[in-house]
C-alpha atoms as a PDB file:
ATOM      1  CA  MET A   1      -1.251  -7.242   7.856  1.00  0.00           C
ATOM      2  CA  GLU A   2       1.331  -9.304   9.682  1.00  0.00           C
ATOM      3  CA  SER A   3       4.300 -11.043   8.006  1.00  0.00           C
ATOM      4  CA  GLU A   4       2.758 -14.425   8.560  1.00  0.00           C
ATOM      5  CA  GLU A   5      -0.006 -13.796   7.278  1.00  0.00           C
ATOM      6  CA  LEU A   6       1.083 -12.215   4.036  1.00  0.00           C
ATOM      7  CA  ALA A   7       3.099 -15.052   3.435  1.00  0.00           C
ATOM      8  CA  ALA A   8      -0.278 -17.117   3.721  1.00  0.00           C
ATOM      9  CA  VAL A   9      -1.786 -15.192   0.758  1.00  0.00           C
ATOM     10  CA  THR A  10      -2.606 -17.808  -1.998  1.00  0.00           C
ATOM     11  CA  GLY A  11      -4.133 -15.613  -4.711  1.00  0.00           C
ATOM     12  CA  PRO A  12      -3.044 -12.349  -6.672  1.00  0.00           C
ATOM     13  CA  LEU A  13      -2.748  -9.234  -4.475  1.00  0.00           C
ATOM     14  CA  SER A  14      -3.082  -5.764  -5.193  1.00  0.00           C
ATOM     15  CA  ILE A  15      -2.340  -2.967  -2.739  1.00  0.00           C
ATOM     16  CA  ALA A  16      -2.804   0.742  -2.842  1.00  0.00           C
ATOM     17  CA  ALA A  17      -0.795   2.830  -0.472  1.00  0.00           C
ATOM     18  CA  ALA A  18      -0.432   5.997   0.719  1.00  0.00           C
ATOM     19  CA  GLU A  19       3.321   7.499   0.747  1.00  0.00           C
ATOM     20  CA  LEU A  20       2.862   9.374   4.057  1.00  0.00           C
ATOM     21  CA  ASP A  21       1.568   6.302   6.428  1.00  0.00           C
ATOM     22  CA  ASP A  22       2.411   5.386   9.637  1.00  0.00           C
ATOM     23  CA  ILE A  23       0.418   2.350   9.533  1.00  0.00           C
ATOM     24  CA  PHE A  24       1.938   1.115   6.591  1.00  0.00           C
ATOM     25  CA  PRO A  25       5.362   2.850   6.271  1.00  0.00           C
ATOM     26  CA  ALA A  26       7.910   2.752   3.404  1.00  0.00           C
ATOM     27  CA  ASP A  27       9.905  -0.145   5.181  1.00  0.00           C
ATOM     28  CA  LYS A  28       6.636  -2.238   5.503  1.00  0.00           C
ATOM     29  CA  ARG A  29       5.961  -1.793   2.395  1.00  0.00           C
ATOM     30  CA  HIS A  30       9.156  -2.701   1.265  1.00  0.00           C
ATOM     31  CA  GLU A  31       9.330  -6.064   3.663  1.00  0.00           C
ATOM     32  CA  SER A  32       6.009  -6.948   2.086  1.00  0.00           C
ATOM     33  CA  GLU A  33       6.918  -6.898  -1.594  1.00  0.00           C
ATOM     34  CA  ALA A  34      10.160  -9.022  -0.443  1.00  0.00           C
ATOM     35  CA  ILE A  35       7.631 -11.654   1.355  1.00  0.00           C
ATOM     36  CA  LEU A  36       5.070 -11.657  -1.782  1.00  0.00           C
ATOM     37  CA  ALA A  37       8.325 -12.161  -4.097  1.00  0.00           C
ATOM     38  CA  ARG A  38       9.748 -14.929  -2.208  1.00  0.00           C
ATOM     39  CA  ILE A  39       6.953 -16.987  -2.269  1.00  0.00           C
ATOM     40  CA  LYS A  40       6.331 -15.846  -5.957  1.00  0.00           C
ATOM     41  CA  GLN A  41       2.661 -14.600  -5.486  1.00  0.00           C
ATOM     42  CA  ASP A  42       1.846 -12.351  -8.208  1.00  0.00           C
ATOM     43  CA  TYR A  43       1.168  -8.991  -6.811  1.00  0.00           C
ATOM     44  CA  GLN A  44       0.438  -5.457  -7.485  1.00  0.00           C
ATOM     45  CA  VAL A  45       1.292  -2.192  -5.653  1.00  0.00           C
ATOM     46  CA  ASN A  46       0.132   1.304  -6.351  1.00  0.00           C
ATOM     47  CA  LEU A  47       1.736   4.128  -4.520  1.00  0.00           C
ATOM     48  CA  PHE A  48       0.224   7.573  -4.347  1.00  0.00           C
ATOM     49  CA  SER A  49       2.904  10.356  -3.244  1.00  0.00           C
ATOM     50  CA  GLY A  50       2.410  13.411  -1.213  1.00  0.00           C
ATOM     51  CA  VAL A  51      -0.900  11.637   0.648  1.00  0.00           C
ATOM     52  CA  HIS A  52      -1.252  10.299   3.851  1.00  0.00           C
ATOM     53  CA  HIS A  53      -3.240   6.912   4.953  1.00  0.00           C
ATOM     54  CA  GLY A  54      -6.875   7.095   4.480  1.00  0.00           C
ATOM     55  CA  PHE A  55      -6.470   9.470   1.425  1.00  0.00           C
ATOM     56  CA  ALA A  56      -9.028   7.629  -0.290  1.00  0.00           C
ATOM     57  CA  ILE A  57     -11.998   8.207   2.175  1.00  0.00           C
ATOM     58  CA  ARG A  58     -11.029  11.074   3.932  1.00  0.00           C
ATOM     59  CA  GLY A  59      -9.102  13.100   1.176  1.00  0.00           C
ATOM     60  CA  GLY A  60      -9.699  16.772   0.801  1.00  0.00           C
ATOM     61  CA  LEU A  61     -10.902  17.808  -2.740  1.00  0.00           C
ATOM     62  CA  GLU A  62      -9.090  21.082  -2.696  1.00  0.00           C
ATOM     63  CA  ASP A  63      -6.166  19.731  -2.400  1.00  0.00           C
ATOM     64  CA  GLU A  64      -4.835  18.808  -6.110  1.00  0.00           C
ATOM     65  CA  LYS A  65      -2.544  15.826  -4.934  1.00  0.00           C
ATOM     66  CA  GLN A  66      -5.243  14.480  -2.662  1.00  0.00           C
ATOM     67  CA  GLN A  67      -8.019  14.702  -5.290  1.00  0.00           C
ATOM     68  CA  PHE A  68      -5.832  12.953  -7.609  1.00  0.00           C
ATOM     69  CA  ALA A  69      -5.020  10.360  -5.529  1.00  0.00           C
ATOM     70  CA  LYS A  70      -8.756   9.843  -4.575  1.00  0.00           C
END
């Protein structure tokens, strides 16, 4: 989601993010939080540690961290 799209959100937003994510890295996650705070939009961020983007659909259940996140 681009900054302009995020700034146009009109309802509460929930974000599930992976700690290791080339698509939504920490700096973009922090920028997103700042935008949502600036527009005074309710939001929630769940950050799953030790997993890569796509953990919820491609997780390896033999890996404890991926199993927990999934």
